[in-house]
Amino acid sequence: MVNTQQLYQKIEALPDELLPQVADYVDFLIFKNNLNDNELSDEVKTELDQRYQDYLENPDSAIPLKVVKDELIQKYGKV
């Protein structure tokens, strides 16, 4: 079992260009394991409202869910 200090040491030993991938993976683990709170921040709510408005103004600009899923599976692998 890896403790927090060992994990920090491993991350610090990584090249800087890999750190965004580590951050993405940590975000993925939090999401996958439902570790985040279910409350949306005001910033996220504002962004979602803006994106919805953009969609209403131009529905053809939407990306089909299957395309998004395929891209996420390609990036993170099948879960």
C-alpha atoms as a PDB file:
ATOM      1  CA  MET A   1       0.000   0.000   0.000  1.00  0.00           C
ATOM      2  CA  VAL A   2       1.343   3.392  -0.984  1.00  0.00           C
ATOM      3  CA  ASN A   3       0.987   6.161   1.553  1.00  0.00           C
ATOM      4  CA  THR A   4       0.437   9.798   0.670  1.00  0.00           C
ATOM      5  CA  GLN A   5       4.092  10.758   1.118  1.00  0.00           C
ATOM      6  CA  GLN A   6       5.243   7.972  -1.222  1.00  0.00           C
ATOM      7  CA  LEU A   7       2.694   9.069  -3.783  1.00  0.00           C
ATOM      8  CA  TYR A   8       3.916  12.677  -3.594  1.00  0.00           C
ATOM      9  CA  GLN A   9       7.497  11.470  -4.102  1.00  0.00           C
ATOM     10  CA  LYS A  10       6.510   9.452  -7.157  1.00  0.00           C
ATOM     11  CA  ILE A  11       4.669  12.422  -8.661  1.00  0.00           C
ATOM     12  CA  GLU A  12       7.592  14.770  -7.976  1.00  0.00           C
ATOM     13  CA  ALA A  13       9.898  12.347  -9.812  1.00  0.00           C
ATOM     14  CA  LEU A  14       7.813  12.539 -12.996  1.00  0.00           C
ATOM     15  CA  PRO A  15       8.776  14.823 -15.877  1.00  0.00           C
ATOM     16  CA  ASP A  16       6.699  18.028 -15.929  1.00  0.00           C
ATOM     17  CA  GLU A  17       5.091  17.094 -19.246  1.00  0.00           C
ATOM     18  CA  LEU A  18       3.405  14.084 -17.593  1.00  0.00           C
ATOM     19  CA  LEU A  19       1.798  16.065 -14.758  1.00  0.00           C
ATOM     20  CA  PRO A  20      -1.305  17.057 -16.774  1.00  0.00           C
ATOM     21  CA  GLN A  21      -1.951  13.358 -17.436  1.00  0.00           C
ATOM     22  CA  VAL A  22      -1.652  12.611 -13.724  1.00  0.00           C
ATOM     23  CA  ALA A  23      -4.107  15.412 -12.931  1.00  0.00           C
ATOM     24  CA  ASP A  24      -6.531  14.101 -15.574  1.00  0.00           C
ATOM     25  CA  TYR A  25      -6.313  10.607 -14.145  1.00  0.00           C
ATOM     26  CA  VAL A  26      -6.903  11.810 -10.586  1.00  0.00           C
ATOM     27  CA  ASP A  27      -9.965  13.737 -11.801  1.00  0.00           C
ATOM     28  CA  PHE A  28     -11.154  10.590 -13.568  1.00  0.00           C
ATOM     29  CA  LEU A  29     -10.740   8.492 -10.405  1.00  0.00           C
ATOM     30  CA  ILE A  30     -12.645  11.046  -8.347  1.00  0.00           C
ATOM     31  CA  PHE A  31     -15.464  11.064 -10.898  1.00  0.00           C
ATOM     32  CA  LYS A  32     -15.503   7.281 -11.384  1.00  0.00           C
ATOM     33  CA  ASN A  33     -15.693   6.646  -7.661  1.00  0.00           C
ATOM     34  CA  ASN A  34     -18.200   9.433  -7.086  1.00  0.00           C
ATOM     35  CA  LEU A  35     -15.901  11.127  -4.575  1.00  0.00           C
ATOM     36  CA  ASN A  36     -16.832  14.654  -5.523  1.00  0.00           C
ATOM     37  CA  ASP A  37     -19.777  16.453  -4.059  1.00  0.00           C
ATOM     38  CA  ASN A  38     -22.889  16.642  -6.181  1.00  0.00           C
ATOM     39  CA  GLU A  39     -23.306  20.394  -5.792  1.00  0.00           C
ATOM     40  CA  LEU A  40     -22.378  22.437  -8.849  1.00  0.00           C
ATOM     41  CA  SER A  41     -20.458  25.625  -8.235  1.00  0.00           C
ATOM     42  CA  ASP A  42     -21.879  28.925  -9.452  1.00  0.00           C
ATOM     43  CA  GLU A  43     -19.051  29.054 -11.990  1.00  0.00           C
ATOM     44  CA  VAL A  44     -20.021  25.664 -13.427  1.00  0.00           C
ATOM     45  CA  LYS A  45     -23.709  26.593 -13.470  1.00  0.00           C
ATOM     46  CA  THR A  46     -22.905  29.791 -15.380  1.00  0.00           C
ATOM     47  CA  GLU A  47     -20.793  27.848 -17.885  1.00  0.00           C
ATOM     48  CA  LEU A  48     -23.539  25.261 -18.402  1.00  0.00           C
ATOM     49  CA  ASP A  49     -26.147  27.991 -18.891  1.00  0.00           C
ATOM     50  CA  GLN A  50     -23.899  29.650 -21.493  1.00  0.00           C
ATOM     51  CA  ARG A  51     -23.275  26.383 -23.311  1.00  0.00           C
ATOM     52  CA  TYR A  52     -27.000  25.629 -23.353  1.00  0.00           C
ATOM     53  CA  GLN A  53     -27.724  29.077 -24.758  1.00  0.00           C
ATOM     54  CA  ASP A  54     -25.038  28.548 -27.421  1.00  0.00           C
ATOM     55  CA  TYR A  55     -26.667  25.238 -28.300  1.00  0.00           C
ATOM     56  CA  LEU A  56     -30.111  26.823 -28.613  1.00  0.00           C
ATOM     57  CA  GLU A  57     -28.665  29.443 -30.951  1.00  0.00           C
ATOM     58  CA  ASN A  58     -26.819  26.850 -33.059  1.00  0.00           C
ATOM     59  CA  PRO A  59     -28.024  23.258 -32.471  1.00  0.00           C
ATOM     60  CA  ASP A  60     -25.919  21.967 -35.385  1.00  0.00           C
ATOM     61  CA  SER A  61     -22.761  22.775 -33.425  1.00  0.00           C
ATOM     62  CA  ALA A  62     -23.462  19.998 -30.891  1.00  0.00           C
ATOM     63  CA  ILE A  63     -21.201  16.960 -30.808  1.00  0.00           C
ATOM     64  CA  PRO A  64     -23.098  13.644 -30.683  1.00  0.00           C
ATOM     65  CA  LEU A  65     -22.769  11.770 -27.384  1.00  0.00           C
ATOM     66  CA  LYS A  66     -21.338   8.710 -29.158  1.00  0.00           C
ATOM     67  CA  VAL A  67     -18.473  10.807 -30.538  1.00  0.00           C
ATOM     68  CA  VAL A  68     -17.708  12.205 -27.083  1.00  0.00           C
ATOM     69  CA  LYS A  69     -17.830   8.731 -25.524  1.00  0.00           C
ATOM     70  CA  ASP A  70     -15.539   7.309 -28.217  1.00  0.00           C
ATOM     71  CA  GLU A  71     -13.029  10.135 -27.662  1.00  0.00           C
ATOM     72  CA  LEU A  72     -13.052   9.609 -23.882  1.00  0.00           C
ATOM     73  CA  ILE A  73     -12.633   5.846 -24.256  1.00  0.00           C
ATOM     74  CA  GLN A  74      -9.748   6.419 -26.638  1.00  0.00           C
ATOM     75  CA  LYS A  75      -8.108   8.856 -24.201  1.00  0.00           C
ATOM     76  CA  TYR A  76      -8.725   6.982 -20.929  1.00  0.00           C
ATOM     77  CA  GLY A  77      -9.496   3.427 -21.999  1.00  0.00           C
ATOM     78  CA  LYS A  78     -12.655   1.477 -21.413  1.00  0.00           C
ATOM     79  CA  VAL A  79     -13.872   1.460 -17.830  1.00  0.00           C
END
